[in-house]
Amino acid sequence: MTEQVVETERRIAVLLPAPLVKKVAEITNINPADEKFADYIANVLREALASREVAQPEEMDPSESEEIRARLKKIGYL
C-alpha cells in the first residue's frame, strides 16, 4: 500500500459485519482491536476508490467529442 494514514485525520466509527471483520483479521493476521486494523481497512477503501475513479472516464462535452471524431476521421480511423 502506497498511502499512509495521516495521524491527524478525524476518525469516525463504521460498523462492519462480524464475519467480514473475522475474515480480514484471518487474512491479515491483525487483531481487529489493533489500530493497524482500522488503518488497513482505510487503505483498502482508498485503493478501491482510486481504482474506481480511474476506471470511470470523465464526461466530455459535445464539442470535444466532435473534435476527436474529426481528428480520427482525418487520420483514417473513422
PDB file of N, CA and C in Angstrom:
ATOM      1  N   MET A   1       0.818  -1.161   0.000  1.00  0.00           N
ATOM      2  CA  MET A   1       0.000   0.000   0.000  1.00  0.00           C
ATOM      3  C   MET A   1       0.874   1.241   0.000  1.00  0.00           C
ATOM      4  N   THR A   2       0.585   2.128  -0.904  1.00  0.00           N
ATOM      5  CA  THR A   2       1.437   3.278  -1.077  1.00  0.00           C
ATOM      6  C   THR A   2       1.074   4.447  -0.173  1.00  0.00           C
ATOM      7  N   GLU A   3      -0.200   4.582   0.162  1.00  0.00           N
ATOM      8  CA  GLU A   3      -0.616   5.699   1.009  1.00  0.00           C
ATOM      9  C   GLU A   3      -0.558   5.301   2.463  1.00  0.00           C
ATOM     10  N   GLN A   4      -0.239   6.256   3.310  1.00  0.00           N
ATOM     11  CA  GLN A   4      -0.279   6.019   4.741  1.00  0.00           C
ATOM     12  C   GLN A   4      -1.329   6.930   5.341  1.00  0.00           C
ATOM     13  N   VAL A   5      -1.946   6.446   6.389  1.00  0.00           N
ATOM     14  CA  VAL A   5      -2.966   7.232   7.054  1.00  0.00           C
ATOM     15  C   VAL A   5      -2.289   8.393   7.769  1.00  0.00           C
ATOM     16  N   VAL A   6      -2.814   9.587   7.559  1.00  0.00           N
ATOM     17  CA  VAL A   6      -2.294  10.769   8.233  1.00  0.00           C
ATOM     18  C   VAL A   6      -2.826  10.743   9.657  1.00  0.00           C
ATOM     19  N   GLU A   7      -1.936  10.875  10.626  1.00  0.00           N
ATOM     20  CA  GLU A   7      -2.330  10.747  12.023  1.00  0.00           C
ATOM     21  C   GLU A   7      -3.328  11.801  12.464  1.00  0.00           C
ATOM     22  N   THR A   8      -3.393  12.931  11.790  1.00  0.00           N
ATOM     23  CA  THR A   8      -4.293  13.999  12.207  1.00  0.00           C
ATOM     24  C   THR A   8      -5.687  13.866  11.599  1.00  0.00           C
ATOM     25  N   GLU A   9      -5.915  12.824  10.810  1.00  0.00           N
ATOM     26  CA  GLU A   9      -7.246  12.644  10.228  1.00  0.00           C
ATOM     27  C   GLU A   9      -8.272  12.402  11.329  1.00  0.00           C
ATOM     28  N   ARG A  10      -9.394  13.045  11.187  1.00  0.00           N
ATOM     29  CA  ARG A  10     -10.504  12.808  12.109  1.00  0.00           C
ATOM     30  C   ARG A  10     -11.089  11.450  11.775  1.00  0.00           C
ATOM     31  N   ARG A  11     -11.373  10.656  12.751  1.00  0.00           N
ATOM     32  CA  ARG A  11     -11.886   9.308  12.519  1.00  0.00           C
ATOM     33  C   ARG A  11     -13.323   9.202  13.021  1.00  0.00           C
ATOM     34  N   ILE A  12     -14.075   8.365  12.329  1.00  0.00           N
ATOM     35  CA  ILE A  12     -15.426   8.047  12.775  1.00  0.00           C
ATOM     36  C   ILE A  12     -15.578   6.535  12.789  1.00  0.00           C
ATOM     37  N   ALA A  13     -16.493   6.050  13.593  1.00  0.00           N
ATOM     38  CA  ALA A  13     -16.722   4.609  13.698  1.00  0.00           C
ATOM     39  C   ALA A  13     -17.610   4.150  12.543  1.00  0.00           C
ATOM     40  N   VAL A  14     -17.263   2.994  11.987  1.00  0.00           N
ATOM     41  CA  VAL A  14     -18.061   2.367  10.937  1.00  0.00           C
ATOM     42  C   VAL A  14     -18.315   0.934  11.373  1.00  0.00           C
ATOM     43  N   LEU A  15     -19.561   0.527  11.376  1.00  0.00           N
ATOM     44  CA  LEU A  15     -19.894  -0.831  11.784  1.00  0.00           C
ATOM     45  C   LEU A  15     -19.755  -1.774  10.590  1.00  0.00           C
ATOM     46  N   LEU A  16     -19.007  -2.846  10.797  1.00  0.00           N
ATOM     47  CA  LEU A  16     -18.806  -3.854   9.762  1.00  0.00           C
ATOM     48  C   LEU A  16     -19.376  -5.182  10.252  1.00  0.00           C
ATOM     49  N   PRO A  17     -19.867  -6.010   9.354  1.00  0.00           N
ATOM     50  CA  PRO A  17     -20.368  -7.320   9.768  1.00  0.00           C
ATOM     51  C   PRO A  17     -19.246  -8.150  10.407  1.00  0.00           C
ATOM     52  N   ALA A  18     -19.576  -8.818  11.505  1.00  0.00           N
ATOM     53  CA  ALA A  18     -18.588  -9.611  12.242  1.00  0.00           C
ATOM     54  C   ALA A  18     -17.885 -10.648  11.368  1.00  0.00           C
ATOM     55  N   PRO A  19     -18.585 -11.362  10.474  1.00  0.00           N
ATOM     56  CA  PRO A  19     -17.874 -12.338   9.630  1.00  0.00           C
ATOM     57  C   PRO A  19     -16.826 -11.677   8.717  1.00  0.00           C
ATOM     58  N   LEU A  20     -17.113 -10.476   8.256  1.00  0.00           N
ATOM     59  CA  LEU A  20     -16.159  -9.757   7.413  1.00  0.00           C
ATOM     60  C   LEU A  20     -14.925  -9.359   8.223  1.00  0.00           C
ATOM     61  N   VAL A  21     -15.142  -8.862   9.418  1.00  0.00           N
ATOM     62  CA  VAL A  21     -14.029  -8.476  10.286  1.00  0.00           C
ATOM     63  C   VAL A  21     -13.176  -9.705  10.593  1.00  0.00           C
ATOM     64  N   LYS A  22     -13.825 -10.820  10.887  1.00  0.00           N
ATOM     65  CA  LYS A  22     -13.102 -12.055  11.195  1.00  0.00           C
ATOM     66  C   LYS A  22     -12.256 -12.504  10.005  1.00  0.00           C
ATOM     67  N   LYS A  23     -12.838 -12.448   8.810  1.00  0.00           N
ATOM     68  CA  LYS A  23     -12.125 -12.872   7.596  1.00  0.00           C
ATOM     69  C   LYS A  23     -10.908 -11.977   7.344  1.00  0.00           C
ATOM     70  N   VAL A  24     -11.084 -10.665   7.451  1.00  0.00           N
ATOM     71  CA  VAL A  24      -9.973  -9.733   7.242  1.00  0.00           C
ATOM     72  C   VAL A  24      -8.884  -9.976   8.282  1.00  0.00           C
ATOM     73  N   ALA A  25      -9.285 -10.199   9.519  1.00  0.00           N
ATOM     74  CA  ALA A  25      -8.317 -10.450  10.585  1.00  0.00           C
ATOM     75  C   ALA A  25      -7.529 -11.727  10.307  1.00  0.00           C
ATOM     76  N   GLU A  26      -8.200 -12.760   9.805  1.00  0.00           N
ATOM     77  CA  GLU A  26      -7.525 -14.023   9.480  1.00  0.00           C
ATOM     78  C   GLU A  26      -6.527 -13.837   8.335  1.00  0.00           C
ATOM     79  N   ILE A  27      -6.942 -13.107   7.325  1.00  0.00           N
ATOM     80  CA  ILE A  27      -6.091 -12.912   6.143  1.00  0.00           C
ATOM     81  C   ILE A  27      -4.877 -12.051   6.474  1.00  0.00           C
ATOM     82  N   THR A  28      -5.079 -11.013   7.273  1.00  0.00           N
ATOM     83  CA  THR A  28      -4.008 -10.054   7.543  1.00  0.00           C
ATOM     84  C   THR A  28      -3.195 -10.369   8.795  1.00  0.00           C
ATOM     85  N   ASN A  29      -3.717 -11.260   9.635  1.00  0.00           N
ATOM     86  CA  ASN A  29      -3.094 -11.541  10.933  1.00  0.00           C
ATOM     87  C   ASN A  29      -2.978 -10.279  11.792  1.00  0.00           C
ATOM     88  N   ILE A  30      -3.991  -9.419  11.683  1.00  0.00           N
ATOM     89  CA  ILE A  30      -4.042  -8.201  12.501  1.00  0.00           C
ATOM     90  C   ILE A  30      -5.267  -8.313  13.400  1.00  0.00           C
ATOM     91  N   ASN A  31      -5.089  -8.066  14.679  1.00  0.00           N
ATOM     92  CA  ASN A  31      -6.176  -8.096  15.635  1.00  0.00           C
ATOM     93  C   ASN A  31      -7.102  -6.910  15.363  1.00  0.00           C
ATOM     94  N   PRO A  32      -8.412  -7.144  15.244  1.00  0.00           N
ATOM     95  CA  PRO A  32      -9.343  -6.035  14.982  1.00  0.00           C
ATOM     96  C   PRO A  32      -9.299  -4.928  16.034  1.00  0.00           C
ATOM     97  N   ALA A  33      -8.847  -5.225  17.226  1.00  0.00           N
ATOM     98  CA  ALA A  33      -8.749  -4.203  18.275  1.00  0.00           C
ATOM     99  C   ALA A  33      -7.518  -3.318  18.092  1.00  0.00           C
ATOM    100  N   ASP A  34      -6.593  -3.755  17.244  1.00  0.00           N
ATOM    101  CA  ASP A  34      -5.362  -3.002  16.991  1.00  0.00           C
ATOM    102  C   ASP A  34      -5.653  -1.861  16.022  1.00  0.00           C
ATOM    103  N   GLU A  35      -5.054  -0.703  16.241  1.00  0.00           N
ATOM    104  CA  GLU A  35      -5.263   0.446  15.353  1.00  0.00           C
ATOM    105  C   GLU A  35      -4.820   0.136  13.921  1.00  0.00           C
ATOM    106  N   LYS A  36      -3.855  -0.773  13.781  1.00  0.00           N
ATOM    107  CA  LYS A  36      -3.385  -1.161  12.441  1.00  0.00           C
ATOM    108  C   LYS A  36      -4.519  -1.749  11.612  1.00  0.00           C
ATOM    109  N   PHE A  37      -5.479  -2.390  12.277  1.00  0.00           N
ATOM    110  CA  PHE A  37      -6.608  -2.981  11.561  1.00  0.00           C
ATOM    111  C   PHE A  37      -7.434  -1.898  10.880  1.00  0.00           C
ATOM    112  N   ALA A  38      -7.745  -0.837  11.601  1.00  0.00           N
ATOM    113  CA  ALA A  38      -8.502   0.286  11.024  1.00  0.00           C
ATOM    114  C   ALA A  38      -7.706   0.942   9.905  1.00  0.00           C
ATOM    115  N   ASP A  39      -6.394   1.068  10.090  1.00  0.00           N
ATOM    116  CA  ASP A  39      -5.537   1.641   9.043  1.00  0.00           C
ATOM    117  C   ASP A  39      -5.583   0.779   7.784  1.00  0.00           C
ATOM    118  N   TYR A  40      -5.540  -0.535   7.970  1.00  0.00           N
ATOM    119  CA  TYR A  40      -5.598  -1.455   6.828  1.00  0.00           C
ATOM    120  C   TYR A  40      -6.913  -1.287   6.067  1.00  0.00           C
ATOM    121  N   ILE A  41      -8.026  -1.281   6.792  1.00  0.00           N
ATOM    122  CA  ILE A  41      -9.344  -1.118   6.157  1.00  0.00           C
ATOM    123  C   ILE A  41      -9.416   0.217   5.419  1.00  0.00           C
ATOM    124  N   ALA A  42      -8.915   1.287   6.025  1.00  0.00           N
ATOM    125  CA  ALA A  42      -8.929   2.612   5.386  1.00  0.00           C
ATOM    126  C   ALA A  42      -8.112   2.595   4.095  1.00  0.00           C
ATOM    127  N   ASN A  43      -6.954   1.942   4.122  1.00  0.00           N
ATOM    128  CA  ASN A  43      -6.117   1.882   2.914  1.00  0.00           C
ATOM    129  C   ASN A  43      -6.766   1.056   1.815  1.00  0.00           C
ATOM    130  N   VAL A  44      -7.415  -0.033   2.176  1.00  0.00           N
ATOM    131  CA  VAL A  44      -8.125  -0.845   1.177  1.00  0.00           C
ATOM    132  C   VAL A  44      -9.234  -0.024   0.532  1.00  0.00           C
ATOM    133  N   LEU A  45      -9.965   0.732   1.331  1.00  0.00           N
ATOM    134  CA  LEU A  45     -11.028   1.577   0.786  1.00  0.00           C
ATOM    135  C   LEU A  45     -10.467   2.678  -0.109  1.00  0.00           C
ATOM    136  N   ARG A  46      -9.358   3.282   0.307  1.00  0.00           N
ATOM    137  CA  ARG A  46      -8.734   4.315  -0.534  1.00  0.00           C
ATOM    138  C   ARG A  46      -8.336   3.752  -1.893  1.00  0.00           C
ATOM    139  N   GLU A  47      -7.720   2.580  -1.881  1.00  0.00           N
ATOM    140  CA  GLU A  47      -7.301   1.955  -3.144  1.00  0.00           C
ATOM    141  C   GLU A  47      -8.503   1.614  -4.015  1.00  0.00           C
ATOM    142  N   ALA A  48      -9.558   1.103  -3.404  1.00  0.00           N
ATOM    143  CA  ALA A  48     -10.768   0.761  -4.165  1.00  0.00           C
ATOM    144  C   ALA A  48     -11.376   2.011  -4.793  1.00  0.00           C
ATOM    145  N   LEU A  49     -11.437   3.089  -4.047  1.00  0.00           N
ATOM    146  CA  LEU A  49     -11.990   4.337  -4.583  1.00  0.00           C
ATOM    147  C   LEU A  49     -11.099   4.907  -5.682  1.00  0.00           C
ATOM    148  N   ALA A  50      -9.794   4.840  -5.495  1.00  0.00           N
ATOM    149  CA  ALA A  50      -8.868   5.352  -6.509  1.00  0.00           C
ATOM    150  C   ALA A  50      -8.998   4.563  -7.800  1.00  0.00           C
ATOM    151  N   SER A  51      -9.120   3.243  -7.705  1.00  0.00           N
ATOM    152  CA  SER A  51      -9.240   2.439  -8.923  1.00  0.00           C
ATOM    153  C   SER A  51     -10.576   2.689  -9.609  1.00  0.00           C
ATOM    154  N   ARG A  52     -11.603   2.964  -8.836  1.00  0.00           N
ATOM    155  CA  ARG A  52     -12.911   3.271  -9.435  1.00  0.00           C
ATOM    156  C   ARG A  52     -12.870   4.599 -10.180  1.00  0.00           C
ATOM    157  N   GLU A  53     -12.177   5.587  -9.597  1.00  0.00           N
ATOM    158  CA  GLU A  53     -12.053   6.888 -10.249  1.00  0.00           C
ATOM    159  C   GLU A  53     -11.313   6.761 -11.573  1.00  0.00           C
ATOM    160  N   VAL A  54     -10.296   5.922 -11.619  1.00  0.00           N
ATOM    161  CA  VAL A  54      -9.525   5.711 -12.842  1.00  0.00           C
ATOM    162  C   VAL A  54     -10.372   4.973 -13.871  1.00  0.00           C
ATOM    163  N   ALA A  55     -11.202   4.035 -13.413  1.00  0.00           N
ATOM    164  CA  ALA A  55     -11.993   3.205 -14.319  1.00  0.00           C
ATOM    165  C   ALA A  55     -13.135   3.970 -14.975  1.00  0.00           C
ATOM    166  N   GLN A  56     -13.573   5.061 -14.387  1.00  0.00           N
ATOM    167  CA  GLN A  56     -14.691   5.813 -14.937  1.00  0.00           C
ATOM    168  C   GLN A  56     -14.189   7.092 -15.591  1.00  0.00           C
ATOM    169  N   PRO A  57     -14.123   7.094 -16.912  1.00  0.00           N
ATOM    170  CA  PRO A  57     -13.633   8.293 -17.596  1.00  0.00           C
ATOM    171  C   PRO A  57     -14.569   9.480 -17.383  1.00  0.00           C
ATOM    172  N   GLU A  58     -13.987  10.657 -17.476  1.00  0.00           N
ATOM    173  CA  GLU A  58     -14.778  11.878 -17.322  1.00  0.00           C
ATOM    174  C   GLU A  58     -15.690  12.067 -18.526  1.00  0.00           C
ATOM    175  N   GLU A  59     -16.811  12.702 -18.289  1.00  0.00           N
ATOM    176  CA  GLU A  59     -17.723  13.047 -19.374  1.00  0.00           C
ATOM    177  C   GLU A  59     -17.094  14.160 -20.204  1.00  0.00           C
ATOM    178  N   MET A  60     -17.239  14.071 -21.522  1.00  0.00           N
ATOM    179  CA  MET A  60     -16.741  15.175 -22.329  1.00  0.00           C
ATOM    180  C   MET A  60     -17.911  15.898 -22.983  1.00  0.00           C
ATOM    181  N   ASP A  61     -17.702  17.177 -23.194  1.00  0.00           N
ATOM    182  CA  ASP A  61     -18.784  17.937 -23.799  1.00  0.00           C
ATOM    183  C   ASP A  61     -18.839  17.617 -25.294  1.00  0.00           C
ATOM    184  N   PRO A  62     -19.972  17.873 -25.931  1.00  0.00           N
ATOM    185  CA  PRO A  62     -20.157  17.517 -27.335  1.00  0.00           C
ATOM    186  C   PRO A  62     -19.114  18.114 -28.279  1.00  0.00           C
ATOM    187  N   SER A  63     -18.645  19.329 -28.006  1.00  0.00           N
ATOM    188  CA  SER A  63     -17.656  19.933 -28.904  1.00  0.00           C
ATOM    189  C   SER A  63     -16.333  19.169 -28.852  1.00  0.00           C
ATOM    190  N   GLU A  64     -15.940  18.692 -27.660  1.00  0.00           N
ATOM    191  CA  GLU A  64     -14.728  17.888 -27.543  1.00  0.00           C
ATOM    192  C   GLU A  64     -14.886  16.572 -28.300  1.00  0.00           C
ATOM    193  N   SER A  65     -16.045  15.983 -28.154  1.00  0.00           N
ATOM    194  CA  SER A  65     -16.326  14.723 -28.831  1.00  0.00           C
ATOM    195  C   SER A  65     -16.250  14.887 -30.351  1.00  0.00           C
ATOM    196  N   GLU A  66     -16.831  15.953 -30.858  1.00  0.00           N
ATOM    197  CA  GLU A  66     -16.799  16.206 -32.300  1.00  0.00           C
ATOM    198  C   GLU A  66     -15.380  16.470 -32.793  1.00  0.00           C
ATOM    199  N   GLU A  67     -14.596  17.173 -32.003  1.00  0.00           N
ATOM    200  CA  GLU A  67     -13.208  17.456 -32.369  1.00  0.00           C
ATOM    201  C   GLU A  67     -12.406  16.154 -32.468  1.00  0.00           C
ATOM    202  N   ILE A  68     -12.610  15.280 -31.529  1.00  0.00           N
ATOM    203  CA  ILE A  68     -11.906  13.995 -31.547  1.00  0.00           C
ATOM    204  C   ILE A  68     -12.352  13.171 -32.752  1.00  0.00           C
ATOM    205  N   ARG A  69     -13.657  13.146 -33.031  1.00  0.00           N
ATOM    206  CA  ARG A  69     -14.164  12.415 -34.193  1.00  0.00           C
ATOM    207  C   ARG A  69     -13.548  12.959 -35.483  1.00  0.00           C
ATOM    208  N   ALA A  70     -13.456  14.286 -35.589  1.00  0.00           N
ATOM    209  CA  ALA A  70     -12.876  14.896 -36.778  1.00  0.00           C
ATOM    210  C   ALA A  70     -11.411  14.493 -36.939  1.00  0.00           C
ATOM    211  N   ARG A  71     -10.674  14.495 -35.851  1.00  0.00           N
ATOM    212  CA  ARG A  71      -9.256  14.089 -35.913  1.00  0.00           C
ATOM    213  C   ARG A  71      -9.123  12.621 -36.324  1.00  0.00           C
ATOM    214  N   LEU A  72      -9.953  11.756 -35.732  1.00  0.00           N
ATOM    215  CA  LEU A  72      -9.886  10.333 -36.073  1.00  0.00           C
ATOM    216  C   LEU A  72     -10.270  10.094 -37.544  1.00  0.00           C
ATOM    217  N   LYS A  73     -11.251  10.838 -38.017  1.00  0.00           N
ATOM    218  CA  LYS A  73     -11.662  10.703 -39.415  1.00  0.00           C
ATOM    219  C   LYS A  73     -10.542  11.164 -40.346  1.00  0.00           C
ATOM    220  N   LYS A  74      -9.893  12.252 -39.965  1.00  0.00           N
ATOM    221  CA  LYS A  74      -8.809  12.825 -40.782  1.00  0.00           C
ATOM    222  C   LYS A  74      -7.643  11.849 -40.933  1.00  0.00           C
ATOM    223  N   ILE A  75      -7.365  11.071 -39.872  1.00  0.00           N
ATOM    224  CA  ILE A  75      -6.250  10.121 -39.964  1.00  0.00           C
ATOM    225  C   ILE A  75      -6.694   8.717 -40.374  1.00  0.00           C
ATOM    226  N   GLY A  76      -7.977   8.565 -40.733  1.00  0.00           N
ATOM    227  CA  GLY A  76      -8.440   7.321 -41.314  1.00  0.00           C
ATOM    228  C   GLY A  76      -8.996   6.277 -40.353  1.00  0.00           C
ATOM    229  N   TYR A  77      -9.202   6.634 -39.105  1.00  0.00           N
ATOM    230  CA  TYR A  77      -9.752   5.674 -38.166  1.00  0.00           C
ATOM    231  C   TYR A  77     -11.275   5.600 -38.241  1.00  0.00           C
ATOM    232  N   LEU A  78     -11.920   6.614 -38.763  1.00  0.00           N
ATOM    233  CA  LEU A  78     -13.382   6.609 -38.890  1.00  0.00           C
ATOM    234  C   LEU A  78     -13.772   6.799 -40.339  1.00  0.00           C
TER     235      LEU A  78
END
